[in-house]
Amino acid sequence: MEKGLISVDRWSGESQAYFLTHLHSDHTNGLSSSWSKAPIFCSRLTAKLFPFKFPDFNLSLLRIVRIGSWHSVSLLSPSSGSKTVVQFMAIDAHHCPGAVMFLFRGDFGCLLYTGDFRWETTSDRAELGRNMLLNALNDSAVDILYLDNTYCNPLYDFPPREVAAQQVLDIIASHPDHDIIIGIDSLGKEDLLLHISRVLNIKIWVWPERLQTMHLLGYDEIFTTKTSLTRVRAVPRYSFSVETLDGLNTMRPTIGIMPSGLPWSVKPSEGNKNLFGSLLTARYSKSKWIGNGGVQTDEPNGSLDSPGRLHKHIYSVSYSDHSSFSEIEKFIKLVQPINMKGIVSSSCCYVDPMYYFGRLRGVNQPGQRLHQKHKRKERDEITLGTKSTFGRNFSTEVERKRGRSVKVKLLRVQSSRVSACRRVRSGAKIVDDDYTD
């Protein structure tokens, strides 16, 4: 695609139309209430949440995209000045409220940008999304797949969310006399909280800003800011720490549950026995705590199918809103793209999707517009920004030869600053693409 036409989840530079997959902060870096560059295309639910995240935003710049329907926008070619039409469709990404994938068609070929997505196959909603995508593609080849490769590593093969949700319920049921603290973000994991509320027939405490979001989503009776009404509280992820849990247990028996595809680990600081908590890279090593003192030993990879008790007050459950490794594989087999690029440009668990899944590309499919017709040398199909997380650096060296192990360097993180090892990016701009095999 020619540079200067459209950008997805990237807000620097100049384009004629901008597309927003969802409202998580790592996809809105550079977007502000004073935005005036060009229209922003997004789902109806994202548009509904938009004023809460960006007060005083000029809402006339938002263009609501109906999920499952084809839309088009007429743009001008920056090089020739001629009119070019871009067709696009939004498809449910099953990630967080309002999250969508975008499928683009035009003279440039067919491009699919997943944004953050969860490709489960165990629900009616997932089946609806699958059929919607297949009908939209209509046997056409996807020239480039821009893929959420957050867990593009066989270490991350966690269960479906419905299974992980039951694991959370089992933990809560096994602690009938405890208060329960669940770490969540400002958007996402609503289905988990609703499931807990429905099964246990209780309200769930959330902080005031989160309650406003819940009301915007239509959940008026389930959540509360009154701690006296419930023993289950959903707290901001950044406030979830060993130090916090230890403090709460001086007043009442309390356990913490961290639902995440990235296991929550704890380890002693050098030189003392105080515990520090963080979302670390992966279960390359599994923390085992023995006795009351919490002595750590490293063991081989732990299973992500079952919850882990990583501290006497803390459980980690593999409930993720991103696709697992096996789900990514199924998605690529379904789409069979000619080429693909990961939208996670740098993270502690980064793996280029071509490393594991290059063999699944549909190289023999017809209609390989970008791949065969132009036959130009490869440049970056997607421009990626980077950012640091709490000023801490995690590094991973992924060996490019199969059979060699992934080496991960873990740095100590203080418990008062829970560092999520997330993607390091600030969006993506789709630009002119040249590549070969």
Protein backbone atom coordinates (compact mmCIF):
# COMPACT_ATOMS: atom_id res chain seq x y z
CA MET A 1 0.00 0.00 0.00
CA GLU A 2 1.24 3.44 -0.90
CA LYS A 3 2.56 5.55 1.94
CA GLY A 4 0.26 8.33 3.11
CA LEU A 5 -3.05 6.53 2.56
CA ILE A 6 -4.02 4.85 5.85
CA SER A 7 -2.57 4.11 9.27
CA VAL A 8 -3.74 1.51 11.79
CA ASP A 9 -3.17 2.11 15.52
CA ARG A 10 -0.41 4.56 14.67
CA TRP A 11 -0.86 8.28 15.16
CA SER A 12 2.40 9.86 14.06
CA GLY A 13 3.15 10.85 10.48
CA GLU A 14 0.59 11.87 7.90
CA SER A 15 -2.17 9.69 6.47
CA GLN A 16 -5.57 10.41 4.95
CA ALA A 17 -7.51 7.95 7.13
CA TYR A 18 -6.75 6.35 10.49
CA PHE A 19 -8.07 3.09 11.89
CA LEU A 20 -8.27 2.18 15.59
CA THR A 21 -8.60 -1.49 16.53
CA HIS A 22 -9.32 -0.87 20.25
CA LEU A 23 -8.68 1.52 23.12
CA HIS A 24 -5.83 -0.11 25.02
CA SER A 25 -3.12 2.45 25.68
CA ASP A 26 -0.42 0.72 23.64
CA HIS A 27 -2.65 1.21 20.57
CA THR A 28 -3.46 4.88 21.24
CA ASN A 29 0.03 6.20 21.96
CA GLY A 30 0.15 9.58 20.21
CA LEU A 31 -3.61 10.01 20.06
CA SER A 32 -5.05 12.81 22.20
CA SER A 33 -8.16 14.92 22.75
CA SER A 34 -6.72 17.59 20.44
CA TRP A 35 -6.53 15.21 17.44
CA SER A 36 -7.47 16.93 14.17
CA LYS A 37 -5.43 15.26 11.42
CA ALA A 38 -8.06 13.10 9.75
CA PRO A 39 -11.07 10.85 10.43
CA ILE A 40 -10.69 7.82 12.70
CA PHE A 41 -12.53 4.60 11.81
CA CYS A 42 -13.49 2.35 14.74
CA SER A 43 -16.23 0.07 16.05
CA ARG A 44 -19.42 1.45 17.58
CA LEU A 45 -18.45 0.31 21.09
CA THR A 46 -15.01 1.89 20.82
CA ALA A 47 -16.68 5.14 19.74
CA LYS A 48 -18.96 4.92 22.78
CA LEU A 49 -15.96 4.56 25.12
CA PHE A 50 -13.92 7.19 23.30
CA PRO A 51 -15.04 10.32 25.21
CA PHE A 52 -14.22 8.71 28.55
CA LYS A 53 -10.62 8.09 27.48
CA PHE A 54 -10.28 11.32 25.47
CA PRO A 55 -12.44 14.08 27.02
CA ASP A 56 -13.26 17.02 24.72
CA PHE A 57 -12.35 15.01 21.64
CA ASN A 58 -14.03 16.25 18.46
CA LEU A 59 -16.42 13.33 18.00
CA SER A 60 -17.29 14.45 14.47
CA LEU A 61 -13.93 12.93 13.46
CA LEU A 62 -15.07 9.43 14.44
CA ARG A 63 -16.41 7.14 11.72
CA ILE A 64 -18.32 4.15 13.09
CA VAL A 65 -17.62 0.90 11.25
CA ARG A 66 -20.33 -1.73 11.38
CA ILE A 67 -18.86 -5.15 12.13
CA GLY A 68 -19.25 -7.68 9.33
CA SER A 69 -20.13 -5.17 6.59
CA TRP A 70 -17.99 -3.86 3.75
CA HIS A 71 -17.26 -0.13 3.76
CA SER A 72 -15.19 2.03 1.42
CA VAL A 73 -13.30 5.29 1.54
CA SER A 74 -12.04 7.32 -1.42
CA LEU A 75 -8.50 8.64 -1.05
CA LEU A 76 -5.96 10.35 -3.28
CA SER A 77 -2.76 8.68 -4.33
CA PRO A 78 0.11 10.77 -2.86
CA SER A 79 2.28 9.95 -5.87
CA SER A 80 -0.13 10.38 -8.79
CA GLY A 81 -2.95 12.44 -7.30
CA SER A 82 -5.49 10.04 -8.76
CA LYS A 83 -8.45 8.68 -6.84
CA THR A 84 -8.06 5.31 -5.16
CA VAL A 85 -10.75 3.39 -3.28
CA VAL A 86 -9.98 1.34 -0.19
CA GLN A 87 -12.55 -1.23 0.89
CA PHE A 88 -12.50 -2.44 4.47
CA MET A 89 -14.38 -4.61 6.92
CA ALA A 90 -14.23 -4.79 10.72
CA ILE A 91 -14.33 -8.28 12.26
CA ASP A 92 -14.74 -9.08 15.96
CA ALA A 93 -11.28 -9.62 17.50
CA HIS A 94 -12.60 -11.22 20.73
CA HIS A 95 -10.00 -9.26 22.71
CA CYS A 96 -11.68 -6.53 24.77
CA PRO A 97 -14.87 -4.46 24.39
CA GLY A 98 -14.90 -2.82 20.97
CA ALA A 99 -11.81 -4.60 19.63
CA VAL A 100 -11.84 -5.46 15.92
CA MET A 101 -9.61 -6.74 13.15
CA PHE A 102 -9.53 -4.83 9.86
CA LEU A 103 -9.55 -6.46 6.43
CA PHE A 104 -8.48 -4.11 3.60
CA ARG A 105 -8.87 -4.47 -0.17
CA GLY A 106 -7.78 -2.26 -3.03
CA ASP A 107 -5.30 -1.90 -5.88
CA PHE A 108 -2.63 -2.89 -3.35
CA GLY A 109 -4.17 -6.33 -2.82
CA CYS A 110 -5.69 -7.79 0.35
CA LEU A 111 -4.33 -6.99 3.81
CA LEU A 112 -5.55 -8.29 7.18
CA TYR A 113 -4.59 -6.47 10.38
CA THR A 114 -5.59 -8.45 13.48
CA GLY A 115 -4.76 -5.90 16.17
CA ASP A 116 -4.84 -7.73 19.50
CA PHE A 117 -7.06 -10.78 19.13
CA ARG A 118 -8.08 -14.10 20.70
CA TRP A 119 -8.89 -16.83 18.18
CA GLU A 120 -10.81 -19.34 20.29
CA THR A 121 -12.92 -22.02 18.60
CA THR A 122 -15.00 -23.11 21.57
CA SER A 123 -17.91 -20.64 21.54
CA ASP A 124 -20.76 -19.52 19.32
CA ARG A 125 -19.24 -16.05 19.18
CA ALA A 126 -15.93 -17.48 17.95
CA GLU A 127 -17.72 -19.52 15.28
CA LEU A 128 -19.57 -16.41 14.14
CA GLY A 129 -16.26 -14.54 13.80
CA ARG A 130 -14.71 -17.41 11.88
CA ASN A 131 -17.57 -17.57 9.39
CA MET A 132 -17.54 -13.79 9.02
CA LEU A 133 -13.85 -13.83 8.11
CA LEU A 134 -14.19 -16.72 5.67
CA ASN A 135 -17.15 -15.08 3.94
CA ALA A 136 -15.27 -11.80 3.69
CA LEU A 137 -12.22 -13.46 2.17
CA ASN A 138 -14.38 -15.48 -0.24
CA ASP A 139 -11.43 -17.69 -1.18
CA SER A 140 -9.25 -14.65 -1.93
CA ALA A 141 -5.61 -14.69 -0.90
CA VAL A 142 -4.44 -12.48 1.96
CA ASP A 143 -1.31 -10.83 0.60
CA ILE A 144 -0.05 -9.66 3.99
CA LEU A 145 -1.24 -10.67 7.45
CA TYR A 146 -0.32 -8.23 10.22
CA LEU A 147 -0.52 -10.59 13.18
CA ASP A 148 -0.81 -10.26 16.95
CA ASN A 149 2.24 -12.35 17.79
CA THR A 150 2.21 -11.64 21.54
CA TYR A 151 2.31 -15.38 22.32
CA CYS A 152 3.91 -16.64 19.14
CA ASN A 153 5.94 -19.17 21.09
CA PRO A 154 5.04 -22.82 21.88
CA LEU A 155 5.63 -22.09 25.57
CA TYR A 156 2.35 -20.17 25.57
CA ASP A 157 -0.31 -22.82 24.96
CA PHE A 158 -2.85 -21.90 27.61
CA PRO A 159 -6.47 -23.07 27.82
CA PRO A 160 -9.61 -21.35 26.50
CA ARG A 161 -10.94 -18.52 28.63
CA GLU A 162 -13.96 -20.52 29.78
CA VAL A 163 -11.62 -23.13 31.26
CA ALA A 164 -9.43 -20.51 32.93
CA ALA A 165 -12.54 -18.77 34.31
CA GLN A 166 -13.58 -22.01 35.99
CA GLN A 167 -10.11 -22.26 37.50
CA VAL A 168 -10.57 -18.80 39.00
CA LEU A 169 -13.93 -19.88 40.45
CA ASP A 170 -12.36 -23.01 41.93
CA ILE A 171 -9.73 -20.90 43.67
CA ILE A 172 -12.37 -18.57 45.08
CA ALA A 173 -14.53 -21.50 46.23
CA SER A 174 -11.57 -23.08 48.03
CA HIS A 175 -11.10 -19.89 50.08
CA PRO A 176 -14.61 -19.23 51.48
CA ASP A 177 -13.32 -17.11 54.37
CA HIS A 178 -10.93 -14.97 52.33
CA ASP A 179 -11.27 -11.68 50.54
CA ILE A 180 -10.37 -12.02 46.86
CA ILE A 181 -8.27 -9.51 44.89
CA ILE A 182 -8.18 -9.84 41.08
CA GLY A 183 -5.73 -7.75 39.03
CA ILE A 184 -7.17 -6.31 35.80
CA ASP A 185 -6.56 -3.48 33.34
CA SER A 186 -8.75 -0.43 32.72
CA LEU A 187 -10.43 -2.30 29.85
CA GLY A 188 -10.75 -6.04 29.36
CA LYS A 189 -11.53 -9.17 31.44
CA GLU A 190 -15.18 -8.09 31.78
CA ASP A 191 -16.39 -11.55 30.75
CA LEU A 192 -14.38 -13.11 33.58
CA LEU A 193 -15.84 -10.75 36.17
CA LEU A 194 -19.37 -11.24 34.84
CA HIS A 195 -18.93 -15.01 35.03
CA ILE A 196 -17.75 -14.81 38.64
CA SER A 197 -20.66 -12.54 39.56
CA ARG A 198 -23.24 -14.77 37.87
CA VAL A 199 -22.02 -18.09 39.29
CA LEU A 200 -21.45 -16.81 42.83
CA ASN A 201 -24.44 -14.44 42.74
CA ILE A 202 -22.42 -11.55 44.14
CA LYS A 203 -21.46 -8.03 43.20
CA ILE A 204 -17.83 -7.22 42.39
CA TRP A 205 -15.98 -4.16 43.65
CA VAL A 206 -14.15 -2.00 41.11
CA TRP A 207 -12.45 1.37 41.46
CA PRO A 208 -14.52 4.48 40.54
CA GLU A 209 -13.10 5.03 37.03
CA ARG A 210 -13.60 1.36 36.21
CA LEU A 211 -17.21 1.59 37.43
CA GLN A 212 -17.81 4.37 34.90
CA THR A 213 -16.49 2.11 32.15
CA MET A 214 -18.74 -0.72 33.33
CA HIS A 215 -21.75 1.59 33.20
CA LEU A 216 -20.85 2.66 29.65
CA LEU A 217 -20.74 -1.03 28.74
CA GLY A 218 -24.23 -1.49 30.19
CA TYR A 219 -23.32 -3.32 33.41
CA ASP A 220 -25.21 -1.20 35.91
CA GLU A 221 -26.20 -3.66 38.64
CA ILE A 222 -23.24 -6.02 38.90
CA PHE A 223 -20.39 -3.76 40.01
CA THR A 224 -20.00 -1.52 43.03
CA THR A 225 -17.51 0.76 44.77
CA LYS A 226 -18.78 -0.25 48.23
CA THR A 227 -16.39 -2.75 49.79
CA SER A 228 -18.99 -3.77 52.38
CA LEU A 229 -21.15 -5.40 49.68
CA THR A 230 -18.70 -8.04 48.45
CA ARG A 231 -15.54 -9.98 49.24
CA VAL A 232 -14.38 -10.01 45.59
CA ARG A 233 -12.55 -6.94 44.36
CA ALA A 234 -11.09 -6.19 40.93
CA VAL A 235 -8.15 -3.84 41.34
CA PRO A 236 -5.83 -2.08 38.86
CA ARG A 237 -3.09 -4.41 37.73
CA TYR A 238 -0.39 -1.92 38.75
CA SER A 239 -1.56 -2.07 42.38
CA PHE A 240 -1.38 -5.88 42.51
CA SER A 241 1.81 -6.81 44.37
CA VAL A 242 3.20 -9.04 47.09
CA GLU A 243 3.58 -6.00 49.29
CA THR A 244 -0.12 -5.13 48.86
CA LEU A 245 -1.27 -8.69 49.58
CA ASP A 246 0.94 -8.94 52.67
CA GLY A 247 -0.49 -5.67 53.95
CA LEU A 248 -4.10 -6.75 53.38
CA ASN A 249 -3.46 -10.00 55.22
CA THR A 250 -2.57 -8.09 58.36
CA MET A 251 -6.24 -7.01 58.45
CA ARG A 252 -8.17 -9.89 56.85
CA PRO A 253 -7.29 -13.20 55.16
CA THR A 254 -6.86 -12.24 51.50
CA ILE A 255 -5.65 -13.96 48.35
CA GLY A 256 -4.74 -12.43 45.01
CA ILE A 257 -5.48 -13.86 41.56
CA MET A 258 -3.65 -12.59 38.49
CA PRO A 259 -5.41 -13.62 35.25
CA SER A 260 -2.86 -13.32 32.45
CA GLY A 261 -1.15 -15.29 29.73
CA LEU A 262 2.08 -13.99 31.26
CA PRO A 263 2.54 -15.86 34.56
CA TRP A 264 2.98 -13.73 37.65
CA SER A 265 6.30 -14.52 39.33
CA VAL A 266 7.93 -13.49 42.55
CA LYS A 267 11.57 -13.65 43.59
CA PRO A 268 13.71 -12.31 46.42
CA SER A 269 15.73 -9.15 46.03
CA GLU A 270 19.48 -9.61 46.18
CA GLY A 271 20.79 -9.14 49.66
CA ASN A 272 17.51 -9.50 51.55
CA LYS A 273 14.50 -11.76 51.92
CA ASN A 274 11.85 -9.27 50.88
CA LEU A 275 9.71 -10.47 48.01
CA PHE A 276 9.25 -8.59 44.79
CA GLY A 277 6.43 -9.29 42.37
CA SER A 278 6.12 -8.82 38.65
CA LEU A 279 4.56 -10.12 35.51
CA LEU A 280 7.66 -11.65 34.00
CA THR A 281 8.41 -13.10 30.64
CA ALA A 282 7.27 -16.71 30.70
CA ARG A 283 7.52 -20.00 32.44
CA TYR A 284 10.95 -20.63 31.06
CA SER A 285 11.54 -21.44 34.70
CA LYS A 286 8.84 -22.11 37.25
CA SER A 287 9.04 -20.58 40.70
CA LYS A 288 8.49 -23.03 43.53
CA TRP A 289 7.95 -21.80 47.05
CA ILE A 290 8.72 -24.15 49.93
CA GLY A 291 7.47 -23.73 53.46
CA ASN A 292 6.56 -20.43 55.06
CA GLY A 293 9.72 -18.65 54.08
CA GLY A 294 9.15 -18.85 50.36
CA VAL A 295 12.42 -20.30 49.04
CA GLN A 296 12.65 -20.18 45.28
CA THR A 297 14.00 -22.95 43.08
CA ASP A 298 14.03 -23.09 39.30
CA GLU A 299 12.31 -25.98 37.61
CA PRO A 300 11.54 -26.85 33.98
CA ASN A 301 8.63 -25.19 32.25
CA GLY A 302 5.37 -25.36 34.19
CA SER A 303 2.08 -26.12 32.55
CA LEU A 304 -0.04 -23.13 31.62
CA ASP A 305 -3.17 -25.32 31.70
CA SER A 306 -3.44 -25.20 35.48
CA PRO A 307 -3.25 -22.31 37.94
CA GLY A 308 -0.04 -21.86 39.88
CA ARG A 309 0.39 -20.77 43.48
CA LEU A 310 3.42 -18.55 43.21
CA HIS A 311 3.29 -17.17 46.73
CA LYS A 312 1.31 -18.02 49.83
CA HIS A 313 -1.17 -15.23 48.94
CA ILE A 314 -0.97 -15.25 45.12
CA TYR A 315 -2.35 -17.43 42.34
CA SER A 316 -1.57 -17.07 38.63
CA VAL A 317 -4.24 -18.22 36.16
CA SER A 318 -3.64 -18.33 32.40
CA TYR A 319 -6.68 -16.30 31.43
CA SER A 320 -5.62 -14.30 28.39
CA ASP A 321 -7.28 -11.99 25.89
CA HIS A 322 -4.55 -12.79 23.35
CA SER A 323 -4.35 -15.90 21.19
CA SER A 324 -2.30 -18.82 22.43
CA PHE A 325 0.38 -20.38 20.25
CA SER A 326 -1.90 -23.17 18.99
CA GLU A 327 -4.69 -20.68 18.27
CA ILE A 328 -2.30 -18.52 16.24
CA GLU A 329 -1.33 -21.63 14.28
CA LYS A 330 -4.99 -22.48 13.56
CA PHE A 331 -5.65 -18.91 12.46
CA ILE A 332 -2.72 -18.87 10.05
CA LYS A 333 -3.78 -22.25 8.62
CA LEU A 334 -7.24 -20.81 8.03
CA VAL A 335 -6.08 -17.55 6.42
CA GLN A 336 -3.01 -18.93 4.60
CA PRO A 337 -1.43 -15.51 3.98
CA ILE A 338 1.19 -15.00 1.30
CA ASN A 339 3.32 -13.09 3.78
CA MET A 340 2.97 -12.06 7.42
CA LYS A 341 4.43 -9.62 9.89
CA GLY A 342 4.14 -9.54 13.65
CA ILE A 343 2.71 -6.32 15.09
CA VAL A 344 4.63 -6.92 18.32
CA SER A 345 7.92 -5.46 17.24
CA SER A 346 9.88 -5.92 20.45
CA SER A 347 9.05 -7.61 23.73
CA CYS A 348 10.47 -10.02 26.25
CA CYS A 349 8.80 -12.93 24.48
CA TYR A 350 9.08 -11.70 20.90
CA VAL A 351 9.25 -14.26 18.12
CA ASP A 352 8.85 -13.41 14.44
CA PRO A 353 5.80 -15.42 13.28
CA MET A 354 7.71 -16.47 10.18
CA TYR A 355 10.05 -18.47 12.43
CA TYR A 356 7.38 -20.98 13.43
CA PHE A 357 4.71 -20.47 10.79
CA GLY A 358 6.45 -19.48 7.57
CA ARG A 359 5.75 -22.98 6.23
CA LEU A 360 2.00 -22.32 6.52
CA ARG A 361 1.96 -19.43 4.06
CA GLY A 362 -0.31 -19.92 1.05
CA VAL A 363 2.50 -19.49 -1.46
CA ASN A 364 0.67 -21.50 -4.13
CA GLN A 365 -2.61 -19.62 -3.87
CA PRO A 366 -3.92 -17.60 -6.83
CA GLY A 367 -4.20 -13.86 -6.69
CA GLN A 368 -0.79 -13.21 -5.14
CA ARG A 369 -0.94 -9.58 -6.14
CA LEU A 370 1.84 -8.25 -3.99
CA HIS A 371 3.88 -11.39 -4.02
CA GLN A 372 4.11 -12.21 -7.71
CA LYS A 373 2.85 -9.29 -9.75
CA HIS A 374 5.18 -6.61 -8.45
CA LYS A 375 8.16 -8.76 -7.47
CA ARG A 376 10.01 -5.96 -5.75
CA LYS A 377 12.60 -6.13 -3.04
CA GLU A 378 11.39 -6.30 0.52
CA ARG A 379 11.13 -3.25 2.72
CA ASP A 380 9.34 -3.01 6.03
CA GLU A 381 5.66 -3.65 5.30
CA ILE A 382 4.79 -2.07 8.59
CA THR A 383 6.40 0.75 10.54
CA LEU A 384 6.57 0.04 14.25
CA GLY A 385 7.19 2.34 17.18
CA THR A 386 8.76 1.28 20.47
CA LYS A 387 8.36 2.20 24.10
CA SER A 388 9.74 1.04 27.43
CA THR A 389 7.73 -0.45 30.27
CA PHE A 390 8.24 1.32 33.60
CA GLY A 391 11.77 2.08 32.50
CA ARG A 392 12.81 -1.55 32.90
CA ASN A 393 14.31 -3.54 30.07
CA PHE A 394 13.69 -7.20 29.48
CA SER A 395 15.70 -8.86 26.72
CA THR A 396 15.18 -12.04 24.77
CA GLU A 397 17.44 -13.61 22.19
CA VAL A 398 15.53 -15.92 19.91
CA GLU A 399 17.88 -18.19 18.00
CA ARG A 400 16.91 -18.34 14.35
CA LYS A 401 17.92 -21.97 13.95
CA ARG A 402 15.35 -24.55 14.98
CA GLY A 403 16.35 -26.74 17.87
CA ARG A 404 18.15 -24.01 19.74
CA SER A 405 16.65 -22.74 22.95
CA VAL A 406 15.21 -19.32 23.71
CA LYS A 407 17.35 -17.43 26.16
CA VAL A 408 15.71 -14.99 28.45
CA LYS A 409 17.31 -12.45 30.73
CA LEU A 410 15.09 -11.51 33.64
CA LEU A 411 15.72 -8.37 35.63
CA ARG A 412 14.42 -7.83 39.17
CA VAL A 413 11.39 -5.58 39.46
CA GLN A 414 10.17 -3.94 42.66
CA SER A 415 6.80 -5.11 43.93
CA SER A 416 5.44 -1.57 44.06
CA ARG A 417 5.80 -1.32 40.29
CA VAL A 418 4.26 -4.36 38.65
CA SER A 419 5.89 -4.53 35.25
CA ALA A 420 3.86 -6.28 32.55
CA CYS A 421 6.05 -7.76 29.86
CA ARG A 422 3.87 -6.52 27.06
CA ARG A 423 4.51 -5.67 23.47
CA VAL A 424 6.78 -2.70 22.97
CA ARG A 425 5.13 -0.71 20.26
CA SER A 426 3.08 2.36 19.52
CA GLY A 427 1.05 1.16 16.58
CA ALA A 428 1.60 0.53 12.95
CA LYS A 429 1.41 2.41 9.69
CA ILE A 430 0.70 0.44 6.55
CA VAL A 431 3.04 1.72 3.86
CA ASP A 432 4.22 0.81 0.38
CA ASP A 433 5.25 -2.83 0.47
CA ASP A 434 7.95 -4.52 -1.54
CA TYR A 435 9.14 -8.01 -0.81
CA THR A 436 10.13 -11.39 -2.16
CA ASP A 437 10.08 -14.86 -0.64
